[in-house]
């Protein structure tokens, strides 16, 4: 980049994105671990059989229906 300040801003943005990705991975791993002990886990697995439905969406749908 032509100016050093631009490089600093770019590096900060990259670091922020990297940290957010790591956080999402940690939260996804925790969700995957804990959902297996949930009483609605079989329903979550069944919903994931639908095309395009991943764990987070399935858990969210069942949690909302349960409430």
PDB file of N, CA and C in Angstrom:
ATOM      1  N   UNK A   1       0.843  -1.183   0.000  1.00  0.00           N
ATOM      2  CA  UNK A   1       0.000   0.000   0.000  1.00  0.00           C
ATOM      3  C   UNK A   1       0.887   1.244   0.000  1.00  0.00           C
ATOM      4  N   UNK A   2       0.430   2.317  -0.592  1.00  0.00           N
ATOM      5  CA  UNK A   2       1.286   3.492  -0.751  1.00  0.00           C
ATOM      6  C   UNK A   2       1.621   4.207   0.557  1.00  0.00           C
ATOM      7  N   UNK A   3       0.779   4.106   1.564  1.00  0.00           N
ATOM      8  CA  UNK A   3       1.033   4.838   2.805  1.00  0.00           C
ATOM      9  C   UNK A   3       1.081   3.844   3.974  1.00  0.00           C
ATOM     10  N   UNK A   4       2.025   3.999   4.904  1.00  0.00           N
ATOM     11  CA  UNK A   4       2.134   3.068   6.028  1.00  0.00           C
ATOM     12  C   UNK A   4       0.861   2.973   6.870  1.00  0.00           C
ATOM     13  N   UNK A   5       0.151   4.076   7.009  1.00  0.00           N
ATOM     14  CA  UNK A   5      -1.088   4.036   7.791  1.00  0.00           C
ATOM     15  C   UNK A   5      -2.123   3.112   7.154  1.00  0.00           C
ATOM     16  N   UNK A   6      -2.141   3.044   5.843  1.00  0.00           N
ATOM     17  CA  UNK A   6      -3.061   2.148   5.152  1.00  0.00           C
ATOM     18  C   UNK A   6      -2.728   0.696   5.455  1.00  0.00           C
ATOM     19  N   UNK A   7      -1.451   0.387   5.532  1.00  0.00           N
ATOM     20  CA  UNK A   7      -1.029  -0.977   5.863  1.00  0.00           C
ATOM     21  C   UNK A   7      -1.469  -1.341   7.276  1.00  0.00           C
ATOM     22  N   UNK A   8      -1.363  -0.400   8.196  1.00  0.00           N
ATOM     23  CA  UNK A   8      -1.792  -0.644   9.577  1.00  0.00           C
ATOM     24  C   UNK A   8      -3.288  -0.933   9.629  1.00  0.00           C
ATOM     25  N   UNK A   9      -4.068  -0.134   8.943  1.00  0.00           N
ATOM     26  CA  UNK A   9      -5.519  -0.333   8.922  1.00  0.00           C
ATOM     27  C   UNK A   9      -5.865  -1.677   8.298  1.00  0.00           C
ATOM     28  N   UNK A  10      -5.196  -2.022   7.212  1.00  0.00           N
ATOM     29  CA  UNK A  10      -5.437  -3.306   6.561  1.00  0.00           C
ATOM     30  C   UNK A  10      -5.107  -4.460   7.501  1.00  0.00           C
ATOM     31  N   UNK A  11      -3.975  -4.401   8.171  1.00  0.00           N
ATOM     32  CA  UNK A  11      -3.573  -5.466   9.094  1.00  0.00           C
ATOM     33  C   UNK A  11      -4.558  -5.593  10.253  1.00  0.00           C
ATOM     34  N   UNK A  12      -5.046  -4.470  10.767  1.00  0.00           N
ATOM     35  CA  UNK A  12      -6.041  -4.506  11.842  1.00  0.00           C
ATOM     36  C   UNK A  12      -7.337  -5.161  11.372  1.00  0.00           C
ATOM     37  N   UNK A  13      -7.750  -4.846  10.158  1.00  0.00           N
ATOM     38  CA  UNK A  13      -8.967  -5.449   9.613  1.00  0.00           C
ATOM     39  C   UNK A  13      -8.799  -6.953   9.434  1.00  0.00           C
ATOM     40  N   UNK A  14      -7.656  -7.359   8.932  1.00  0.00           N
ATOM     41  CA  UNK A  14      -7.382  -8.787   8.756  1.00  0.00           C
ATOM     42  C   UNK A  14      -7.360  -9.496  10.108  1.00  0.00           C
ATOM     43  N   UNK A  15      -6.737  -8.881  11.094  1.00  0.00           N
ATOM     44  CA  UNK A  15      -6.676  -9.482  12.429  1.00  0.00           C
ATOM     45  C   UNK A  15      -8.071  -9.600  13.047  1.00  0.00           C
ATOM     46  N   UNK A  16      -8.899  -8.591  12.860  1.00  0.00           N
ATOM     47  CA  UNK A  16     -10.268  -8.635  13.381  1.00  0.00           C
ATOM     48  C   UNK A  16     -11.052  -9.771  12.748  1.00  0.00           C
ATOM     49  N   UNK A  17     -10.936  -9.914  11.449  1.00  0.00           N
ATOM     50  CA  UNK A  17     -11.646 -10.985  10.753  1.00  0.00           C
ATOM     51  C   UNK A  17     -11.149 -12.346  11.220  1.00  0.00           C
ATOM     52  N   UNK A  18      -9.854 -12.496  11.374  1.00  0.00           N
ATOM     53  CA  UNK A  18      -9.280 -13.762  11.839  1.00  0.00           C
ATOM     54  C   UNK A  18      -9.774 -14.110  13.233  1.00  0.00           C
ATOM     55  N   UNK A  19      -9.816 -13.126  14.121  1.00  0.00           N
ATOM     56  CA  UNK A  19     -10.306 -13.364  15.474  1.00  0.00           C
ATOM     57  C   UNK A  19     -11.776 -13.760  15.478  1.00  0.00           C
ATOM     58  N   UNK A  20     -12.573 -13.106  14.642  1.00  0.00           N
ATOM     59  CA  UNK A  20     -14.003 -13.435  14.574  1.00  0.00           C
ATOM     60  C   UNK A  20     -14.220 -14.846  14.035  1.00  0.00           C
ATOM     61  N   UNK A  21     -13.431 -15.243  13.063  1.00  0.00           N
ATOM     62  CA  UNK A  21     -13.547 -16.592  12.511  1.00  0.00           C
ATOM     63  C   UNK A  21     -13.203 -17.625  13.581  1.00  0.00           C
ATOM     64  N   UNK A  22     -12.145 -17.388  14.335  1.00  0.00           N
ATOM     65  CA  UNK A  22     -11.769 -18.300  15.423  1.00  0.00           C
ATOM     66  C   UNK A  22     -12.861 -18.380  16.476  1.00  0.00           C
ATOM     67  N   UNK A  23     -13.461 -17.235  16.797  1.00  0.00           N
ATOM     68  CA  UNK A  23     -14.543 -17.224  17.785  1.00  0.00           C
ATOM     69  C   UNK A  23     -15.726 -18.043  17.291  1.00  0.00           C
ATOM     70  N   UNK A  24     -16.104 -17.862  16.036  1.00  0.00           N
ATOM     71  CA  UNK A  24     -17.203 -18.643  15.471  1.00  0.00           C
ATOM     72  C   UNK A  24     -16.900 -20.132  15.484  1.00  0.00           C
ATOM     73  N   UNK A  25     -15.663 -20.505  15.199  1.00  0.00           N
ATOM     74  CA  UNK A  25     -15.275 -21.916  15.237  1.00  0.00           C
ATOM     75  C   UNK A  25     -15.397 -22.468  16.651  1.00  0.00           C
ATOM     76  N   UNK A  26     -14.950 -21.687  17.644  1.00  0.00           N
ATOM     77  CA  UNK A  26     -15.063 -22.142  19.038  1.00  0.00           C
ATOM     78  C   UNK A  26     -16.521 -22.316  19.443  1.00  0.00           C
ATOM     79  N   UNK A  27     -17.357 -21.342  19.094  1.00  0.00           N
ATOM     80  CA  UNK A  27     -18.767 -21.429  19.446  1.00  0.00           C
ATOM     81  C   UNK A  27     -19.460 -22.577  18.716  1.00  0.00           C
ATOM     82  N   UNK A  28     -19.109 -22.790  17.474  1.00  0.00           N
ATOM     83  CA  UNK A  28     -19.678 -23.892  16.710  1.00  0.00           C
ATOM     84  C   UNK A  28     -19.287 -25.237  17.323  1.00  0.00           C
ATOM     85  N   UNK A  29     -18.039 -25.351  17.753  1.00  0.00           N
ATOM     86  CA  UNK A  29     -17.592 -26.585  18.411  1.00  0.00           C
ATOM     87  C   UNK A  29     -18.334 -26.819  19.715  1.00  0.00           C
ATOM     88  N   UNK A  30     -18.531 -25.768  20.502  1.00  0.00           N
ATOM     89  CA  UNK A  30     -19.277 -25.899  21.756  1.00  0.00           C
ATOM     90  C   UNK A  30     -20.722 -26.309  21.484  1.00  0.00           C
ATOM     91  N   UNK A  31     -21.333 -25.692  20.491  1.00  0.00           N
ATOM     92  CA  UNK A  31     -22.705 -26.047  20.150  1.00  0.00           C
ATOM     93  C   UNK A  31     -22.786 -27.504  19.712  1.00  0.00           C
ATOM     94  N   UNK A  32     -21.862 -27.933  18.887  1.00  0.00           N
ATOM     95  CA  UNK A  32     -21.851 -29.324  18.422  1.00  0.00           C
ATOM     96  C   UNK A  32     -21.701 -30.295  19.587  1.00  0.00           C
ATOM     97  N   UNK A  33     -20.885 -29.924  20.552  1.00  0.00           N
ATOM     98  CA  UNK A  33     -20.660 -30.794  21.709  1.00  0.00           C
ATOM     99  C   UNK A  33     -21.908 -30.873  22.593  1.00  0.00           C
ATOM    100  N   UNK A  34     -22.507 -29.736  22.901  1.00  0.00           N
ATOM    101  CA  UNK A  34     -23.616 -29.698  23.855  1.00  0.00           C
ATOM    102  C   UNK A  34     -24.950 -30.144  23.261  1.00  0.00           C
ATOM    103  N   UNK A  35     -25.138 -29.975  21.977  1.00  0.00           N
ATOM    104  CA  UNK A  35     -26.420 -30.330  21.379  1.00  0.00           C
ATOM    105  C   UNK A  35     -26.650 -31.848  21.426  1.00  0.00           C
ATOM    106  N   UNK A  36     -25.587 -32.612  21.501  1.00  0.00           N
ATOM    107  CA  UNK A  36     -25.728 -34.074  21.526  1.00  0.00           C
ATOM    108  C   UNK A  36     -26.401 -34.579  22.797  1.00  0.00           C
ATOM    109  N   UNK A  37     -26.410 -33.767  23.840  1.00  0.00           N
ATOM    110  CA  UNK A  37     -27.075 -34.151  25.092  1.00  0.00           C
ATOM    111  C   UNK A  37     -28.479 -33.561  25.206  1.00  0.00           C
ATOM    112  N   UNK A  38     -28.907 -32.843  24.215  1.00  0.00           N
ATOM    113  CA  UNK A  38     -30.213 -32.196  24.220  1.00  0.00           C
ATOM    114  C   UNK A  38     -31.289 -33.209  23.873  1.00  0.00           C
ATOM    115  N   UNK A  39     -32.450 -33.081  24.489  1.00  0.00           N
ATOM    116  CA  UNK A  39     -33.525 -34.048  24.221  1.00  0.00           C
ATOM    117  C   UNK A  39     -34.057 -33.941  22.794  1.00  0.00           C
ATOM    118  N   UNK A  40     -33.872 -32.807  22.146  1.00  0.00           N
ATOM    119  CA  UNK A  40     -34.341 -32.626  20.778  1.00  0.00           C
ATOM    120  C   UNK A  40     -33.264 -32.920  19.735  1.00  0.00           C
ATOM    121  N   UNK A  41     -32.175 -33.513  20.164  1.00  0.00           N
ATOM    122  CA  UNK A  41     -31.088 -33.803  19.218  1.00  0.00           C
ATOM    123  C   UNK A  41     -31.550 -34.665  18.041  1.00  0.00           C
ATOM    124  N   UNK A  42     -32.360 -35.704  18.254  1.00  0.00           N
ATOM    125  CA  UNK A  42     -32.827 -36.481  17.085  1.00  0.00           C
ATOM    126  C   UNK A  42     -33.612 -35.626  16.081  1.00  0.00           C
ATOM    127  N   UNK A  43     -34.364 -34.657  16.575  1.00  0.00           N
ATOM    128  CA  UNK A  43     -35.120 -33.779  15.688  1.00  0.00           C
ATOM    129  C   UNK A  43     -34.157 -32.864  14.929  1.00  0.00           C
ATOM    130  N   UNK A  44     -33.138 -32.381  15.613  1.00  0.00           N
ATOM    131  CA  UNK A  44     -32.127 -31.542  14.970  1.00  0.00           C
ATOM    132  C   UNK A  44     -31.457 -32.319  13.837  1.00  0.00           C
ATOM    133  N   UNK A  45     -31.098 -33.573  14.096  1.00  0.00           N
ATOM    134  CA  UNK A  45     -30.480 -34.396  13.055  1.00  0.00           C
ATOM    135  C   UNK A  45     -31.429 -34.602  11.879  1.00  0.00           C
ATOM    136  N   UNK A  46     -32.715 -34.795  12.159  1.00  0.00           N
ATOM    137  CA  UNK A  46     -33.686 -35.008  11.092  1.00  0.00           C
ATOM    138  C   UNK A  46     -33.838 -33.752  10.235  1.00  0.00           C
ATOM    139  N   UNK A  47     -33.863 -32.596  10.863  1.00  0.00           N
ATOM    140  CA  UNK A  47     -34.002 -31.347  10.109  1.00  0.00           C
ATOM    141  C   UNK A  47     -32.768 -31.105   9.239  1.00  0.00           C
ATOM    142  N   UNK A  48     -31.613 -31.531   9.707  1.00  0.00           N
ATOM    143  CA  UNK A  48     -30.387 -31.343   8.929  1.00  0.00           C
ATOM    144  C   UNK A  48     -30.392 -32.187   7.656  1.00  0.00           C
ATOM    145  N   UNK A  49     -31.293 -33.133   7.578  1.00  0.00           N
ATOM    146  CA  UNK A  49     -31.392 -33.939   6.363  1.00  0.00           C
ATOM    147  C   UNK A  49     -31.911 -33.116   5.182  1.00  0.00           C
ATOM    148  N   UNK A  50     -32.557 -31.999   5.498  1.00  0.00           N
ATOM    149  CA  UNK A  50     -33.025 -31.128   4.427  1.00  0.00           C
ATOM    150  C   UNK A  50     -31.841 -30.390   3.804  1.00  0.00           C
ATOM    151  N   UNK A  51     -31.936 -30.180   2.554  1.00  0.00           N
ATOM    152  CA  UNK A  51     -30.842 -29.542   1.814  1.00  0.00           C
ATOM    153  C   UNK A  51     -30.601 -28.106   2.305  1.00  0.00           C
ATOM    154  N   UNK A  52     -29.358 -27.809   2.606  1.00  0.00           N
ATOM    155  CA  UNK A  52     -28.977 -26.467   3.009  1.00  0.00           C
ATOM    156  C   UNK A  52     -29.157 -26.148   4.474  1.00  0.00           C
ATOM    157  N   UNK A  53     -29.644 -27.096   5.258  1.00  0.00           N
ATOM    158  CA  UNK A  53     -29.864 -26.853   6.682  1.00  0.00           C
ATOM    159  C   UNK A  53     -28.703 -27.453   7.460  1.00  0.00           C
ATOM    160  N   UNK A  54     -27.948 -26.574   8.106  1.00  0.00           N
ATOM    161  CA  UNK A  54     -26.812 -27.011   8.906  1.00  0.00           C
ATOM    162  C   UNK A  54     -27.188 -26.971  10.381  1.00  0.00           C
ATOM    163  N   UNK A  55     -26.251 -27.333  11.213  1.00  0.00           N
ATOM    164  CA  UNK A  55     -26.500 -27.478  12.644  1.00  0.00           C
ATOM    165  C   UNK A  55     -27.066 -26.214  13.276  1.00  0.00           C
ATOM    166  N   UNK A  56     -26.458 -25.072  13.031  1.00  0.00           N
ATOM    167  CA  UNK A  56     -26.897 -23.836  13.674  1.00  0.00           C
ATOM    168  C   UNK A  56     -28.342 -23.497  13.312  1.00  0.00           C
ATOM    169  N   UNK A  57     -28.707 -23.650  12.062  1.00  0.00           N
ATOM    170  CA  UNK A  57     -30.076 -23.362  11.631  1.00  0.00           C
ATOM    171  C   UNK A  57     -31.049 -24.345  12.270  1.00  0.00           C
ATOM    172  N   UNK A  58     -30.704 -25.627  12.267  1.00  0.00           N
ATOM    173  CA  UNK A  58     -31.567 -26.643  12.843  1.00  0.00           C
ATOM    174  C   UNK A  58     -31.788 -26.409  14.335  1.00  0.00           C
ATOM    175  N   UNK A  59     -30.724 -26.119  15.053  1.00  0.00           N
ATOM    176  CA  UNK A  59     -30.844 -25.859  16.496  1.00  0.00           C
ATOM    177  C   UNK A  59     -31.684 -24.609  16.733  1.00  0.00           C
ATOM    178  N   UNK A  60     -31.464 -23.574  15.944  1.00  0.00           N
ATOM    179  CA  UNK A  60     -32.250 -22.348  16.096  1.00  0.00           C
ATOM    180  C   UNK A  60     -33.721 -22.566  15.854  1.00  0.00           C
ATOM    181  N   UNK A  61     -34.062 -23.317  14.832  1.00  0.00           N
ATOM    182  CA  UNK A  61     -35.465 -23.587  14.525  1.00  0.00           C
ATOM    183  C   UNK A  61     -36.117 -24.369  15.661  1.00  0.00           C
ATOM    184  N   UNK A  62     -35.460 -25.405  16.117  1.00  0.00           N
ATOM    185  CA  UNK A  62     -36.037 -26.223  17.188  1.00  0.00           C
ATOM    186  C   UNK A  62     -36.120 -25.440  18.486  1.00  0.00           C
ATOM    187  N   UNK A  63     -35.120 -24.636  18.788  1.00  0.00           N
ATOM    188  CA  UNK A  63     -35.159 -23.825  20.004  1.00  0.00           C
ATOM    189  C   UNK A  63     -36.332 -22.832  19.953  1.00  0.00           C
ATOM    190  N   UNK A  64     -36.561 -22.215  18.799  1.00  0.00           N
ATOM    191  CA  UNK A  64     -37.664 -21.277  18.671  1.00  0.00           C
ATOM    192  C   UNK A  64     -39.009 -21.999  18.768  1.00  0.00           C
ATOM    193  N   UNK A  65     -39.122 -23.161  18.164  1.00  0.00           N
ATOM    194  CA  UNK A  65     -40.375 -23.914  18.250  1.00  0.00           C
ATOM    195  C   UNK A  65     -40.633 -24.385  19.679  1.00  0.00           C
ATOM    196  N   UNK A  66     -39.561 -24.726  20.378  1.00  0.00           N
ATOM    197  CA  UNK A  66     -39.696 -25.183  21.760  1.00  0.00           C
ATOM    198  C   UNK A  66     -40.147 -24.089  22.705  1.00  0.00           C
ATOM    199  N   UNK A  67     -39.782 -22.845  22.380  1.00  0.00           N
ATOM    200  CA  UNK A  67     -40.182 -21.734  23.231  1.00  0.00           C
ATOM    201  C   UNK A  67     -41.622 -21.373  22.957  1.00  0.00           C
TER     202      UNK A  67
END
